[in-house]
Structures are given as structure tokens and as C-alpha cells.
C-alpha atoms as a PDB file:
ATOM      1  CA  MET A   1      -1.264   3.118  -7.310  1.00  0.00           C
ATOM      2  CA  LEU A   2       1.607   1.249  -5.671  1.00  0.00           C
ATOM      3  CA  GLU A   3       0.781  -1.849  -7.693  1.00  0.00           C
ATOM      4  CA  VAL A   4       0.919   0.178 -10.902  1.00  0.00           C
ATOM      5  CA  ILE A   5       4.304   1.604  -9.879  1.00  0.00           C
ATOM      6  CA  ALA A   6       5.511  -1.932  -9.254  1.00  0.00           C
ATOM      7  CA  ARG A   7       4.492  -2.833 -12.816  1.00  0.00           C
ATOM      8  CA  ASP A   8       7.070  -0.278 -14.027  1.00  0.00           C
ATOM      9  CA  LYS A   9       4.546   2.092 -15.564  1.00  0.00           C
ATOM     10  CA  THR A  10       5.607   5.650 -16.355  1.00  0.00           C
ATOM     11  CA  ASP A  11       3.910   8.652 -14.787  1.00  0.00           C
ATOM     12  CA  ARG A  12       2.269   9.353 -18.150  1.00  0.00           C
ATOM     13  CA  GLU A  13       0.914   5.792 -18.423  1.00  0.00           C
ATOM     14  CA  ILE A  14      -0.421   5.924 -14.857  1.00  0.00           C
ATOM     15  CA  ALA A  15      -2.040   9.318 -15.493  1.00  0.00           C
ATOM     16  CA  ASN A  16      -3.743   8.075 -18.657  1.00  0.00           C
ATOM     17  CA  HIS A  17      -4.927   4.908 -16.882  1.00  0.00           C
ATOM     18  CA  LEU A  18      -6.384   6.841 -13.927  1.00  0.00           C
ATOM     19  CA  GLY A  19      -7.623   9.830 -15.921  1.00  0.00           C
ATOM     20  CA  ILE A  20      -5.575  12.345 -13.922  1.00  0.00           C
ATOM     21  CA  ARG A  21      -2.708  14.710 -14.727  1.00  0.00           C
ATOM     22  CA  GLU A  22       0.877  13.522 -14.877  1.00  0.00           C
ATOM     23  CA  ARG A  23       1.826  16.138 -12.293  1.00  0.00           C
ATOM     24  CA  THR A  24      -0.714  14.651  -9.860  1.00  0.00           C
ATOM     25  CA  VAL A  25       0.794  11.212 -10.373  1.00  0.00           C
ATOM     26  CA  ARG A  26       4.269  12.567  -9.572  1.00  0.00           C
ATOM     27  CA  ALA A  27       2.916  14.081  -6.354  1.00  0.00           C
ATOM     28  CA  HIS A  28       1.280  10.809  -5.313  1.00  0.00           C
ATOM     29  CA  VAL A  29       4.361   8.750  -6.184  1.00  0.00           C
ATOM     30  CA  GLY A  30       6.504  11.123  -4.120  1.00  0.00           C
ATOM     31  CA  SER A  31       4.123  10.772  -1.192  1.00  0.00           C
ATOM     32  CA  ILE A  32       4.181   6.969  -1.439  1.00  0.00           C
ATOM     33  CA  ILE A  33       7.986   6.959  -1.508  1.00  0.00           C
ATOM     34  CA  LEU A  34       8.131   9.165   1.595  1.00  0.00           C
ATOM     35  CA  LYS A  35       5.550   7.128   3.518  1.00  0.00           C
ATOM     36  CA  LEU A  36       7.293   3.855   2.761  1.00  0.00           C
ATOM     37  CA  GLY A  37      10.639   5.357   3.675  1.00  0.00           C
ATOM     38  CA  VAL A  38      12.300   4.127   0.484  1.00  0.00           C
ATOM     39  CA  ALA A  39      14.855   5.928  -1.634  1.00  0.00           C
ATOM     40  CA  SER A  40      13.066   5.717  -4.999  1.00  0.00           C
ATOM     41  CA  ARG A  41      10.098   4.338  -6.921  1.00  0.00           C
ATOM     42  CA  VAL A  42      12.204   1.209  -7.506  1.00  0.00           C
ATOM     43  CA  GLY A  43      12.420   0.828  -3.733  1.00  0.00           C
ATOM     44  CA  ALA A  44       8.641   1.224  -3.522  1.00  0.00           C
ATOM     45  CA  ALA A  45       8.214  -1.486  -6.161  1.00  0.00           C
ATOM     46  CA  VAL A  46      10.567  -3.798  -4.253  1.00  0.00           C
ATOM     47  CA  ALA A  47       8.691  -3.152  -0.986  1.00  0.00           C
ATOM     48  CA  PHE A  48       5.408  -3.954  -2.756  1.00  0.00           C
ATOM     49  CA  ALA A  49       6.810  -7.161  -4.272  1.00  0.00           C
ATOM     50  CA  GLU A  50       8.097  -8.291  -0.880  1.00  0.00           C
ATOM     51  CA  TRP A  51       4.742  -7.486   0.712  1.00  0.00           C
ATOM     52  CA  GLN A  52       2.961  -9.466  -2.036  1.00  0.00           C
ATOM     53  CA  ALA A  53       5.257 -12.429  -1.332  1.00  0.00           C
ATOM     54  CA  GLY A  54       3.976 -12.404   2.240  1.00  0.00           C
ATOM     55  CA  GLY A  55       7.208 -11.529   3.957  1.00  0.00           C
ATOM     56  CA  GLY A  56       6.629  -7.837   4.350  1.00  0.00           C
ATOM     57  CA  PRO A  57       9.344  -5.356   3.529  1.00  0.00           C
ATOM     58  CA  ARG A  58      12.763  -6.469   4.694  1.00  0.00           C
ATOM     59  CA  ARG A  59      15.770  -4.294   5.389  1.00  0.00           C
ATOM     60  CA  CYS A  60      17.507  -3.846   2.078  1.00  0.00           C
ATOM     61  CA  SER A  61      19.285  -1.137   0.148  1.00  0.00           C
ATOM     62  CA  CYS A  62      15.927   0.043  -1.233  1.00  0.00           C
ATOM     63  CA  LEU A  63      14.763   1.164   2.216  1.00  0.00           C
ATOM     64  CA  ALA A  64      15.941   4.490   3.563  1.00  0.00           C
ATOM     65  CA  GLU A  65      15.817   4.621   7.366  1.00  0.00           C
ATOM     66  CA  ALA A  66      12.658   2.976   8.687  1.00  0.00           C
ATOM     67  CA  PRO A  67       9.289   3.101   6.898  1.00  0.00           C
ATOM     68  CA  ILE A  68       7.063   5.853   8.218  1.00  0.00           C
ATOM     69  CA  VAL A  69       3.997   3.617   7.936  1.00  0.00           C
ATOM     70  CA  GLU A  70       3.481  -0.116   7.644  1.00  0.00           C
ATOM     71  CA  LEU A  71       2.464  -1.453   4.229  1.00  0.00           C
ATOM     72  CA  ARG A  72      -1.145  -2.639   4.425  1.00  0.00           C
ATOM     73  CA  PRO A  73      -3.350  -4.165   1.706  1.00  0.00           C
ATOM     74  CA  GLU A  74      -5.412  -1.002   1.274  1.00  0.00           C
ATOM     75  CA  MET A  75      -2.232   0.981   0.549  1.00  0.00           C
ATOM     76  CA  ALA A  76      -1.424  -1.220  -2.432  1.00  0.00           C
ATOM     77  CA  ARG A  77      -4.391  -0.034  -4.468  1.00  0.00           C
END
């Protein structure tokens, strides 16, 4: 789901793609944001893009304090 967030898809588009309710998507997105320790879904997208580039998330304005969990490949799906 993180990859789909990074592609700037709306909750409605994600819900339709996955065949789940929009409310469920919002809950999952909120959970991802909390676990990554970022301030918003934009921050989650930036963290994903940095991880994809191979550098891992760096300290930037998109990160809140410290990420609660490390970003691993299985989290990106």
C-alpha cells in the first residue's frame, strides 16, 4: 500500500484498486504514517522514494521524531 500512496493515489482510488472500503484505506494509511514516524502521507511517500533509491529514509522535514519501525521491502507492498 505504501507504493500506491507514493504514486499519489487518493483513498478512493486505492480502495477501488484493492476492493476494500475507503474508510479501511484511511485507517491503513494512518497506521503507516504512525509506524514510519512521518508527519503526513507526503512524508510517507518521500520515505518510500528514498528507500527505493537505496539510501533509506534520511532525516528531513517529512520525518517526525524517529521512525517507529525500519522500512523493509515487505512493508512497501
